[in-house]
Amino acid sequence: MSELKPIFIFAQAPRTGSTWLQRILTSTGEVLIWGETTVLLFPYGDLWSFDEGDNPRNPCNDLKLFRKQKADMWMAVLQPFHSDIMPAYKEMLEKAYGASAKREGFARWGMKETRWNEDVLTFVNWAWPECEKVYIIRDFEKGFCSRFKANKTVQGVSRKADILEYCNLWAVQGQLILDHLKDPHTTLVHHKDLLGHPNRQKDLCRSLGLGLPDLSQSNTRISWSNHVRKFELNWDKGNQYSELRRKKTRAIAEEAREDLKILEASPHYKQLQGVSAAFGYKWLGETP
């Protein structure tokens, strides 16, 4: 399966349009983009034995030490060498996802993720040097309001924790995208550029070596998760943060005010602004 050239979609954060992009590419009938599982994060569980030197995150369970001491050592999380794990993991992904896609009638395969890191990019570039990486980004305010529009929605421990996680992903993964734009196998997609632009959707597919998308499949609006269904909104219509800043006397739901306090106290707040400016977005209604 090594001859296959996967297509990986990396979202800047949840609610940036990665599922829609997944549907657009898959609707061509030529590539099956599997859904997010964070499976690409698995090989970097920090425990594998290093071929050279010691793993600073797992110094007591090294395979080189085991060769000398056998069972006379702390070996609670003894792991194989990184160089053995990576080829095996590549083969597993090709058989689990590549072969399955082929069986379903698709010549190519791919995956989309909303949570990823530098190690994931290192792995996919090592495993498939000519794979295509498609990064999709979205204005922070629009993505945030889409993610948190349901009244008192909690997906994690608390709404505050959810908001801080979203800020972290949008800032950190956004910076990673900026750092890797010079990769020749990289495509940057703005969510706003796909909206109402079927020709741009077609051009994107062609640029990835695919045929034309079936827009009757991919452009139907589908929402499944509870937090994107129509509940009572925390926010007023339009650009909610912008309204809150421009019209401070306007009656805004108390939940929205609390959300804004959490956001502005985020340790990533300055980075959020910097990444937003780098992508050419306005920041919460302000002129960049």
C-alpha atoms as a PDB file:
ATOM      1  CA  MET A   1       0.000   0.000   0.000  1.00  0.00           C
ATOM      2  CA  SER A   2       3.029   2.325   0.148  1.00  0.00           C
ATOM      3  CA  GLU A   3       2.385   3.574  -3.407  1.00  0.00           C
ATOM      4  CA  LEU A   4      -0.732   5.380  -2.195  1.00  0.00           C
ATOM      5  CA  LYS A   5      -0.417   9.099  -1.555  1.00  0.00           C
ATOM      6  CA  PRO A   6      -2.821   9.962   1.256  1.00  0.00           C
ATOM      7  CA  ILE A   7      -4.489  13.324   1.707  1.00  0.00           C
ATOM      8  CA  PHE A   8      -4.532  14.652   5.261  1.00  0.00           C
ATOM      9  CA  ILE A   9      -6.852  17.439   6.361  1.00  0.00           C
ATOM     10  CA  PHE A  10      -5.647  19.330   9.426  1.00  0.00           C
ATOM     11  CA  ALA A  11      -8.107  21.782  10.942  1.00  0.00           C
ATOM     12  CA  GLN A  12      -6.903  24.813  12.825  1.00  0.00           C
ATOM     13  CA  ALA A  13      -9.479  23.876  15.480  1.00  0.00           C
ATOM     14  CA  PRO A  14     -12.931  22.270  15.685  1.00  0.00           C
ATOM     15  CA  ARG A  15     -15.694  24.152  13.826  1.00  0.00           C
ATOM     16  CA  THR A  16     -13.420  25.370  11.049  1.00  0.00           C
ATOM     17  CA  GLY A  17     -15.121  23.408   8.263  1.00  0.00           C
ATOM     18  CA  SER A  18     -12.952  20.293   8.196  1.00  0.00           C
ATOM     19  CA  THR A  19     -15.924  17.933   8.008  1.00  0.00           C
ATOM     20  CA  TRP A  20     -17.346  19.888   5.093  1.00  0.00           C
ATOM     21  CA  LEU A  21     -13.970  19.771   3.349  1.00  0.00           C
ATOM     22  CA  GLN A  22     -13.804  16.037   4.081  1.00  0.00           C
ATOM     23  CA  ARG A  23     -17.169  15.626   2.343  1.00  0.00           C
ATOM     24  CA  ILE A  24     -16.135  17.747  -0.652  1.00  0.00           C
ATOM     25  CA  LEU A  25     -13.030  15.672  -1.339  1.00  0.00           C
ATOM     26  CA  THR A  26     -14.751  12.349  -0.694  1.00  0.00           C
ATOM     27  CA  SER A  27     -17.635  13.288  -3.013  1.00  0.00           C
ATOM     28  CA  THR A  28     -15.215  13.073  -5.948  1.00  0.00           C
ATOM     29  CA  GLY A  29     -15.370   9.310  -5.562  1.00  0.00           C
ATOM     30  CA  GLU A  30     -11.586   9.130  -5.822  1.00  0.00           C
ATOM     31  CA  VAL A  31     -10.458   9.507  -2.209  1.00  0.00           C
ATOM     32  CA  LEU A  32     -12.055   8.365   1.024  1.00  0.00           C
ATOM     33  CA  ILE A  33     -11.171  10.774   3.816  1.00  0.00           C
ATOM     34  CA  TRP A  34     -11.691   8.967   7.096  1.00  0.00           C
ATOM     35  CA  GLY A  35     -13.017  10.923  10.066  1.00  0.00           C
ATOM     36  CA  GLU A  36     -11.076  12.271  13.016  1.00  0.00           C
ATOM     37  CA  THR A  37      -9.973   9.830  15.705  1.00  0.00           C
ATOM     38  CA  THR A  38      -6.679  11.464  16.800  1.00  0.00           C
ATOM     39  CA  VAL A  39      -5.175   8.126  15.737  1.00  0.00           C
ATOM     40  CA  LEU A  40      -2.188   9.967  14.271  1.00  0.00           C
ATOM     41  CA  LEU A  41      -1.241  11.148  17.751  1.00  0.00           C
ATOM     42  CA  PHE A  42      -0.853   7.566  18.987  1.00  0.00           C
ATOM     43  CA  PRO A  43       2.768   6.847  17.945  1.00  0.00           C
ATOM     44  CA  TYR A  44       3.921   9.778  19.998  1.00  0.00           C
ATOM     45  CA  GLY A  45       2.854   8.440  23.360  1.00  0.00           C
ATOM     46  CA  ASP A  46       6.308   9.464  24.653  1.00  0.00           C
ATOM     47  CA  LEU A  47       7.246   6.004  25.889  1.00  0.00           C
ATOM     48  CA  TRP A  48       9.084   4.344  23.000  1.00  0.00           C
ATOM     49  CA  SER A  49      12.724   3.442  23.511  1.00  0.00           C
ATOM     50  CA  PHE A  50      15.089   5.690  21.571  1.00  0.00           C
ATOM     51  CA  ASP A  51      17.567   3.981  19.254  1.00  0.00           C
ATOM     52  CA  GLU A  52      20.256   6.469  20.263  1.00  0.00           C
ATOM     53  CA  GLY A  53      20.364   8.077  23.680  1.00  0.00           C
ATOM     54  CA  ASP A  54      17.694   7.924  26.351  1.00  0.00           C
ATOM     55  CA  ASN A  55      14.085   8.971  26.153  1.00  0.00           C
ATOM     56  CA  PRO A  56      13.887  11.763  28.762  1.00  0.00           C
ATOM     57  CA  ARG A  57      10.194  11.035  29.241  1.00  0.00           C
ATOM     58  CA  ASN A  58      10.740   7.359  29.915  1.00  0.00           C
ATOM     59  CA  PRO A  59      14.352   6.902  31.128  1.00  0.00           C
ATOM     60  CA  CYS A  60      13.734   3.899  33.405  1.00  0.00           C
ATOM     61  CA  ASN A  61      12.152   1.583  30.824  1.00  0.00           C
ATOM     62  CA  ASP A  62      14.701   1.681  28.004  1.00  0.00           C
ATOM     63  CA  LEU A  63      15.124  -1.376  25.795  1.00  0.00           C
ATOM     64  CA  LYS A  64      18.906  -0.884  25.641  1.00  0.00           C
ATOM     65  CA  LEU A  65      19.020  -1.110  29.434  1.00  0.00           C
ATOM     66  CA  PHE A  66      16.825  -4.211  29.345  1.00  0.00           C
ATOM     67  CA  ARG A  67      19.326  -5.923  27.059  1.00  0.00           C
ATOM     68  CA  LYS A  68      21.929  -5.558  29.797  1.00  0.00           C
ATOM     69  CA  GLN A  69      19.863  -6.179  32.922  1.00  0.00           C
ATOM     70  CA  LYS A  70      16.968  -8.296  31.659  1.00  0.00           C
ATOM     71  CA  ALA A  71      14.203  -8.453  34.255  1.00  0.00           C
ATOM     72  CA  ASP A  72      16.399  -6.936  36.964  1.00  0.00           C
ATOM     73  CA  MET A  73      15.101  -3.414  36.271  1.00  0.00           C
ATOM     74  CA  TRP A  74      12.003  -1.265  36.419  1.00  0.00           C
ATOM     75  CA  MET A  75      10.158  -2.333  33.255  1.00  0.00           C
ATOM     76  CA  ALA A  76       6.550  -1.373  33.918  1.00  0.00           C
ATOM     77  CA  VAL A  77       6.216   0.419  30.560  1.00  0.00           C
ATOM     78  CA  LEU A  78       9.053  -1.175  28.563  1.00  0.00           C
ATOM     79  CA  GLN A  79       8.558  -0.386  24.855  1.00  0.00           C
ATOM     80  CA  PRO A  80      10.225  -1.310  21.523  1.00  0.00           C
ATOM     81  CA  PHE A  81      12.514   1.043  19.652  1.00  0.00           C
ATOM     82  CA  HIS A  82      11.013   4.028  17.899  1.00  0.00           C
ATOM     83  CA  SER A  83      12.535   2.807  14.615  1.00  0.00           C
ATOM     84  CA  ASP A  84      10.546  -0.432  14.901  1.00  0.00           C
ATOM     85  CA  ILE A  85       7.302   1.214  15.926  1.00  0.00           C
ATOM     86  CA  MET A  86       7.133   3.728  13.074  1.00  0.00           C
ATOM     87  CA  PRO A  87       7.271   1.305  10.095  1.00  0.00           C
ATOM     88  CA  ALA A  88       4.820  -0.994  11.849  1.00  0.00           C
ATOM     89  CA  TYR A  89       2.452   1.879  12.527  1.00  0.00           C
ATOM     90  CA  LYS A  90       2.669   3.075   8.948  1.00  0.00           C
ATOM     91  CA  GLU A  91       1.804  -0.415   7.722  1.00  0.00           C
ATOM     92  CA  MET A  92      -1.097  -0.636  10.157  1.00  0.00           C
ATOM     93  CA  LEU A  93      -2.581   2.644   8.911  1.00  0.00           C
ATOM     94  CA  GLU A  94      -2.202   1.620   5.284  1.00  0.00           C
ATOM     95  CA  LYS A  95      -3.945  -1.676   5.927  1.00  0.00           C
ATOM     96  CA  ALA A  96      -6.625  -0.303   8.234  1.00  0.00           C
ATOM     97  CA  TYR A  97      -7.446   2.829   6.231  1.00  0.00           C
ATOM     98  CA  GLY A  98      -5.826   2.506   2.811  1.00  0.00           C
ATOM     99  CA  ALA A  99      -6.941  -1.058   2.107  1.00  0.00           C
ATOM    100  CA  SER A 100     -10.390  -0.366   3.547  1.00  0.00           C
ATOM    101  CA  ALA A 101     -10.804   2.660   1.265  1.00  0.00           C
ATOM    102  CA  LYS A 102      -9.777   0.595  -1.744  1.00  0.00           C
ATOM    103  CA  ARG A 103     -12.282  -2.087  -0.824  1.00  0.00           C
ATOM    104  CA  GLU A 104     -14.979   0.604  -0.703  1.00  0.00           C
ATOM    105  CA  GLY A 105     -14.110   1.622  -4.260  1.00  0.00           C
ATOM    106  CA  PHE A 106     -11.745   4.552  -3.630  1.00  0.00           C
ATOM    107  CA  ALA A 107      -8.289   4.635  -5.198  1.00  0.00           C
ATOM    108  CA  ARG A 108      -6.855   6.911  -2.502  1.00  0.00           C
ATOM    109  CA  TRP A 109      -7.369   7.416   1.188  1.00  0.00           C
ATOM    110  CA  GLY A 110      -6.831  10.100   3.761  1.00  0.00           C
ATOM    111  CA  MET A 111      -7.726  11.297   7.234  1.00  0.00           C
ATOM    112  CA  LYS A 112      -8.875  14.505   8.837  1.00  0.00           C
ATOM    113  CA  GLU A 113      -7.985  15.656  12.316  1.00  0.00           C
ATOM    114  CA  THR A 114      -8.898  18.616  14.501  1.00  0.00           C
ATOM    115  CA  ARG A 115      -6.309  17.805  17.186  1.00  0.00           C
ATOM    116  CA  TRP A 116      -2.719  17.265  16.070  1.00  0.00           C
ATOM    117  CA  ASN A 117       0.826  18.462  16.730  1.00  0.00           C
ATOM    118  CA  GLU A 118       4.304  18.827  15.259  1.00  0.00           C
ATOM    119  CA  ASP A 119       5.042  15.133  15.797  1.00  0.00           C
ATOM    120  CA  VAL A 120       2.046  14.188  13.653  1.00  0.00           C
ATOM    121  CA  LEU A 121       3.393  16.261  10.759  1.00  0.00           C
ATOM    122  CA  THR A 122       6.837  14.718  11.208  1.00  0.00           C
ATOM    123  CA  PHE A 123       5.320  11.244  11.086  1.00  0.00           C
ATOM    124  CA  VAL A 124       3.124  11.711   8.001  1.00  0.00           C
ATOM    125  CA  ASN A 125       5.974  13.394   6.113  1.00  0.00           C
ATOM    126  CA  TRP A 126       8.294  10.525   7.005  1.00  0.00           C
ATOM    127  CA  ALA A 127       5.737   7.814   6.200  1.00  0.00           C
ATOM    128  CA  TRP A 128       4.413   9.365   2.978  1.00  0.00           C
ATOM    129  CA  PRO A 129       6.843  12.044   1.715  1.00  0.00           C
ATOM    130  CA  GLU A 130       4.530  13.063  -1.129  1.00  0.00           C
ATOM    131  CA  CYS A 131       1.286  13.052   0.852  1.00  0.00           C
ATOM    132  CA  GLU A 132      -0.896  16.135   0.545  1.00  0.00           C
ATOM    133  CA  LYS A 133      -1.547  18.234   3.657  1.00  0.00           C
ATOM    134  CA  VAL A 134      -4.602  20.463   3.489  1.00  0.00           C
ATOM    135  CA  TYR A 135      -4.884  23.000   6.295  1.00  0.00           C
ATOM    136  CA  ILE A 136      -8.268  24.638   6.799  1.00  0.00           C
ATOM    137  CA  ILE A 137      -8.551  27.818   8.846  1.00  0.00           C
ATOM    138  CA  ARG A 138     -11.409  30.038   9.950  1.00  0.00           C
ATOM    139  CA  ASP A 139     -11.865  33.446  11.546  1.00  0.00           C
ATOM    140  CA  PHE A 140     -11.641  32.935  15.321  1.00  0.00           C
ATOM    141  CA  GLU A 141     -14.863  34.739  16.128  1.00  0.00           C
ATOM    142  CA  LYS A 142     -16.937  32.739  13.661  1.00  0.00           C
ATOM    143  CA  GLY A 143     -15.434  29.435  14.719  1.00  0.00           C
ATOM    144  CA  PHE A 144     -15.781  30.226  18.408  1.00  0.00           C
ATOM    145  CA  CYS A 145     -19.400  31.323  18.134  1.00  0.00           C
ATOM    146  CA  SER A 146     -20.205  28.233  16.103  1.00  0.00           C
ATOM    147  CA  ARG A 147     -18.568  25.988  18.689  1.00  0.00           C
ATOM    148  CA  PHE A 148     -20.126  27.642  21.734  1.00  0.00           C
ATOM    149  CA  LYS A 149     -23.477  28.916  20.501  1.00  0.00           C
ATOM    150  CA  ALA A 150     -25.558  26.326  22.324  1.00  0.00           C
ATOM    151  CA  ASN A 151     -26.745  27.614  25.697  1.00  0.00           C
ATOM    152  CA  LYS A 152     -24.475  26.332  28.483  1.00  0.00           C
ATOM    153  CA  THR A 153     -23.048  23.598  26.282  1.00  0.00           C
ATOM    154  CA  VAL A 154     -20.378  21.502  28.008  1.00  0.00           C
ATOM    155  CA  GLN A 155     -18.393  18.862  26.147  1.00  0.00           C
ATOM    156  CA  GLY A 156     -15.553  18.474  28.615  1.00  0.00           C
ATOM    157  CA  VAL A 157     -15.182  19.118  32.310  1.00  0.00           C
ATOM    158  CA  SER A 158     -16.690  22.594  32.169  1.00  0.00           C
ATOM    159  CA  ARG A 159     -17.539  25.361  29.741  1.00  0.00           C
ATOM    160  CA  LYS A 160     -14.464  27.282  30.906  1.00  0.00           C
ATOM    161  CA  ALA A 161     -12.237  24.290  30.220  1.00  0.00           C
ATOM    162  CA  ASP A 162     -13.840  23.862  26.791  1.00  0.00           C
ATOM    163  CA  ILE A 163     -13.218  27.505  25.918  1.00  0.00           C
ATOM    164  CA  LEU A 164      -9.592  27.390  27.041  1.00  0.00           C
ATOM    165  CA  GLU A 165      -9.010  24.183  25.078  1.00  0.00           C
ATOM    166  CA  TYR A 166     -10.478  25.792  21.969  1.00  0.00           C
ATOM    167  CA  CYS A 167      -8.238  28.844  22.412  1.00  0.00           C
ATOM    168  CA  ASN A 168      -5.222  26.586  22.814  1.00  0.00           C
ATOM    169  CA  LEU A 169      -5.982  24.568  19.673  1.00  0.00           C
ATOM    170  CA  TRP A 170      -6.765  27.616  17.533  1.00  0.00           C
ATOM    171  CA  ALA A 171      -3.585  29.426  18.577  1.00  0.00           C
ATOM    172  CA  VAL A 172      -1.076  26.570  18.724  1.00  0.00           C
ATOM    173  CA  GLN A 173      -2.259  24.656  15.663  1.00  0.00           C
ATOM    174  CA  GLY A 174      -2.674  27.928  13.786  1.00  0.00           C
ATOM    175  CA  GLN A 175       0.977  28.759  14.459  1.00  0.00           C
ATOM    176  CA  LEU A 176       2.016  25.290  13.275  1.00  0.00           C
ATOM    177  CA  ILE A 177       0.165  25.910  10.021  1.00  0.00           C
ATOM    178  CA  LEU A 178       2.015  29.186   9.564  1.00  0.00           C
ATOM    179  CA  ASP A 179       5.315  27.419  10.256  1.00  0.00           C
ATOM    180  CA  HIS A 180       4.706  24.753   7.584  1.00  0.00           C
ATOM    181  CA  LEU A 181       3.259  26.731   4.682  1.00  0.00           C
ATOM    182  CA  LYS A 182       6.483  26.418   2.665  1.00  0.00           C
ATOM    183  CA  ASP A 183       6.023  22.656   2.346  1.00  0.00           C
ATOM    184  CA  PRO A 184       5.448  22.046  -1.408  1.00  0.00           C
ATOM    185  CA  HIS A 185       2.752  19.486  -0.616  1.00  0.00           C
ATOM    186  CA  THR A 186       0.724  21.938   1.456  1.00  0.00           C
ATOM    187  CA  THR A 187      -2.560  23.648   0.612  1.00  0.00           C
ATOM    188  CA  LEU A 188      -4.079  26.383   2.769  1.00  0.00           C
ATOM    189  CA  VAL A 189      -7.862  26.689   2.633  1.00  0.00           C
ATOM    190  CA  HIS A 190      -9.864  29.530   4.161  1.00  0.00           C
ATOM    191  CA  HIS A 191     -13.346  28.489   5.237  1.00  0.00           C
ATOM    192  CA  LYS A 192     -14.760  31.751   3.868  1.00  0.00           C
ATOM    193  CA  ASP A 193     -13.325  31.046   0.402  1.00  0.00           C
ATOM    194  CA  LEU A 194     -15.368  27.851   0.062  1.00  0.00           C
ATOM    195  CA  LEU A 195     -18.694  29.401   1.065  1.00  0.00           C
ATOM    196  CA  GLY A 196     -20.774  30.078  -2.016  1.00  0.00           C
ATOM    197  CA  HIS A 197     -17.854  29.394  -4.347  1.00  0.00           C
ATOM    198  CA  PRO A 198     -18.390  26.018  -6.081  1.00  0.00           C
ATOM    199  CA  ASN A 199     -15.712  26.821  -8.656  1.00  0.00           C
ATOM    200  CA  ARG A 200     -13.145  27.230  -5.892  1.00  0.00           C
ATOM    201  CA  GLN A 201     -14.205  23.889  -4.468  1.00  0.00           C
ATOM    202  CA  LYS A 202     -13.640  22.333  -7.887  1.00  0.00           C
ATOM    203  CA  ASP A 203     -10.265  24.051  -8.277  1.00  0.00           C
ATOM    204  CA  LEU A 204      -9.190  22.712  -4.905  1.00  0.00           C
ATOM    205  CA  CYS A 205     -10.047  19.154  -5.892  1.00  0.00           C
ATOM    206  CA  ARG A 206      -8.183  19.512  -9.167  1.00  0.00           C
ATOM    207  CA  SER A 207      -5.117  20.893  -7.382  1.00  0.00           C
ATOM    208  CA  LEU A 208      -5.027  17.706  -5.282  1.00  0.00           C
ATOM    209  CA  GLY A 209      -5.141  15.499  -8.352  1.00  0.00           C
ATOM    210  CA  LEU A 210      -8.815  14.651  -7.942  1.00  0.00           C
ATOM    211  CA  GLY A 211     -11.800  14.871 -10.234  1.00  0.00           C
ATOM    212  CA  LEU A 212     -14.731  17.198  -9.725  1.00  0.00           C
ATOM    213  CA  PRO A 213     -16.733  17.003  -6.489  1.00  0.00           C
ATOM    214  CA  ASP A 214     -20.385  16.042  -6.492  1.00  0.00           C
ATOM    215  CA  LEU A 215     -21.795  19.229  -5.010  1.00  0.00           C
ATOM    216  CA  SER A 216     -25.230  17.630  -4.615  1.00  0.00           C
ATOM    217  CA  GLN A 217     -23.604  15.443  -1.945  1.00  0.00           C
ATOM    218  CA  SER A 218     -21.132  17.758  -0.310  1.00  0.00           C
ATOM    219  CA  ASN A 219     -23.021  21.051  -0.211  1.00  0.00           C
ATOM    220  CA  THR A 220     -26.084  19.879   1.667  1.00  0.00           C
ATOM    221  CA  ARG A 221     -26.094  21.258   5.212  1.00  0.00           C
ATOM    222  CA  ILE A 222     -25.728  18.544   7.835  1.00  0.00           C
ATOM    223  CA  SER A 223     -25.390  19.077  11.580  1.00  0.00           C
ATOM    224  CA  TRP A 224     -25.248  16.190  14.026  1.00  0.00           C
ATOM    225  CA  SER A 225     -23.585  17.215  17.266  1.00  0.00           C
ATOM    226  CA  ASN A 226     -25.768  18.720  19.981  1.00  0.00           C
ATOM    227  CA  HIS A 227     -23.656  21.846  20.201  1.00  0.00           C
ATOM    228  CA  VAL A 228     -24.355  22.808  16.589  1.00  0.00           C
ATOM    229  CA  ARG A 229     -28.109  22.306  16.673  1.00  0.00           C
ATOM    230  CA  LYS A 230     -30.407  25.275  17.135  1.00  0.00           C
ATOM    231  CA  PHE A 231     -30.672  25.904  20.842  1.00  0.00           C
ATOM    232  CA  GLU A 232     -31.278  29.232  22.490  1.00  0.00           C
ATOM    233  CA  LEU A 233     -28.249  31.286  21.517  1.00  0.00           C
ATOM    234  CA  ASN A 234     -25.896  32.909  23.965  1.00  0.00           C
ATOM    235  CA  TRP A 235     -25.016  35.435  21.322  1.00  0.00           C
ATOM    236  CA  ASP A 236     -26.948  38.012  19.350  1.00  0.00           C
ATOM    237  CA  LYS A 237     -27.076  37.622  15.570  1.00  0.00           C
ATOM    238  CA  GLY A 238     -24.183  38.778  13.412  1.00  0.00           C
ATOM    239  CA  ASN A 239     -20.635  39.183  14.584  1.00  0.00           C
ATOM    240  CA  GLN A 240     -21.247  38.685  18.259  1.00  0.00           C
ATOM    241  CA  TYR A 241     -17.959  39.862  19.742  1.00  0.00           C
ATOM    242  CA  SER A 242     -17.984  42.858  17.446  1.00  0.00           C
ATOM    243  CA  GLU A 243     -21.448  43.807  18.662  1.00  0.00           C
ATOM    244  CA  LEU A 244     -20.365  43.394  22.270  1.00  0.00           C
ATOM    245  CA  ARG A 245     -17.385  45.682  21.748  1.00  0.00           C
ATOM    246  CA  ARG A 246     -19.116  48.321  19.627  1.00  0.00           C
ATOM    247  CA  LYS A 247     -22.341  48.501  21.612  1.00  0.00           C
ATOM    248  CA  LYS A 248     -21.377  47.993  25.226  1.00  0.00           C
ATOM    249  CA  THR A 249     -24.780  49.137  26.407  1.00  0.00           C
ATOM    250  CA  ARG A 250     -26.529  46.539  24.272  1.00  0.00           C
ATOM    251  CA  ALA A 251     -28.268  43.792  26.206  1.00  0.00           C
ATOM    252  CA  ILE A 252     -26.111  40.685  25.725  1.00  0.00           C
ATOM    253  CA  ALA A 253     -26.748  37.348  27.398  1.00  0.00           C
ATOM    254  CA  GLU A 254     -24.793  36.985  30.629  1.00  0.00           C
ATOM    255  CA  GLU A 255     -23.263  33.743  29.374  1.00  0.00           C
ATOM    256  CA  ALA A 256     -21.673  35.645  26.496  1.00  0.00           C
ATOM    257  CA  ARG A 257     -20.093  38.145  28.864  1.00  0.00           C
ATOM    258  CA  GLU A 258     -18.671  35.332  30.964  1.00  0.00           C
ATOM    259  CA  ASP A 259     -17.314  33.636  27.851  1.00  0.00           C
ATOM    260  CA  LEU A 260     -15.552  36.832  26.846  1.00  0.00           C
ATOM    261  CA  LYS A 261     -13.947  37.135  30.299  1.00  0.00           C
ATOM    262  CA  ILE A 262     -12.635  33.577  30.041  1.00  0.00           C
ATOM    263  CA  LEU A 263     -11.326  34.217  26.554  1.00  0.00           C
ATOM    264  CA  GLU A 264      -9.490  37.398  27.440  1.00  0.00           C
ATOM    265  CA  ALA A 265      -7.887  35.698  30.457  1.00  0.00           C
ATOM    266  CA  SER A 266      -6.591  32.842  28.296  1.00  0.00           C
ATOM    267  CA  PRO A 267      -2.790  32.398  28.410  1.00  0.00           C
ATOM    268  CA  HIS A 268      -2.982  32.198  24.613  1.00  0.00           C
ATOM    269  CA  TYR A 269      -4.800  35.504  24.172  1.00  0.00           C
ATOM    270  CA  LYS A 270      -1.805  37.382  22.690  1.00  0.00           C
ATOM    271  CA  GLN A 271      -0.981  34.433  20.448  1.00  0.00           C
ATOM    272  CA  LEU A 272      -4.602  34.316  19.302  1.00  0.00           C
ATOM    273  CA  GLN A 273      -4.312  37.919  18.179  1.00  0.00           C
ATOM    274  CA  GLY A 274      -0.976  37.323  16.457  1.00  0.00           C
ATOM    275  CA  VAL A 275      -2.129  34.255  14.544  1.00  0.00           C
ATOM    276  CA  SER A 276      -5.331  36.038  13.542  1.00  0.00           C
ATOM    277  CA  ALA A 277      -3.341  38.971  12.145  1.00  0.00           C
ATOM    278  CA  ALA A 278      -0.994  36.613  10.280  1.00  0.00           C
ATOM    279  CA  PHE A 279      -3.975  35.044   8.523  1.00  0.00           C
ATOM    280  CA  GLY A 280      -5.396  38.464   7.674  1.00  0.00           C
ATOM    281  CA  TYR A 281      -8.431  38.268   9.945  1.00  0.00           C
ATOM    282  CA  LYS A 282      -9.924  41.040  12.024  1.00  0.00           C
ATOM    283  CA  TRP A 283      -9.735  40.391  15.746  1.00  0.00           C
ATOM    284  CA  LEU A 284     -13.112  40.517  17.514  1.00  0.00           C
ATOM    285  CA  GLY A 285     -14.357  43.438  15.483  1.00  0.00           C
ATOM    286  CA  GLU A 286     -11.160  45.429  15.682  1.00  0.00           C
ATOM    287  CA  THR A 287      -9.195  46.621  12.666  1.00  0.00           C
ATOM    288  CA  PRO A 288      -5.971  44.594  12.337  1.00  0.00           C
END
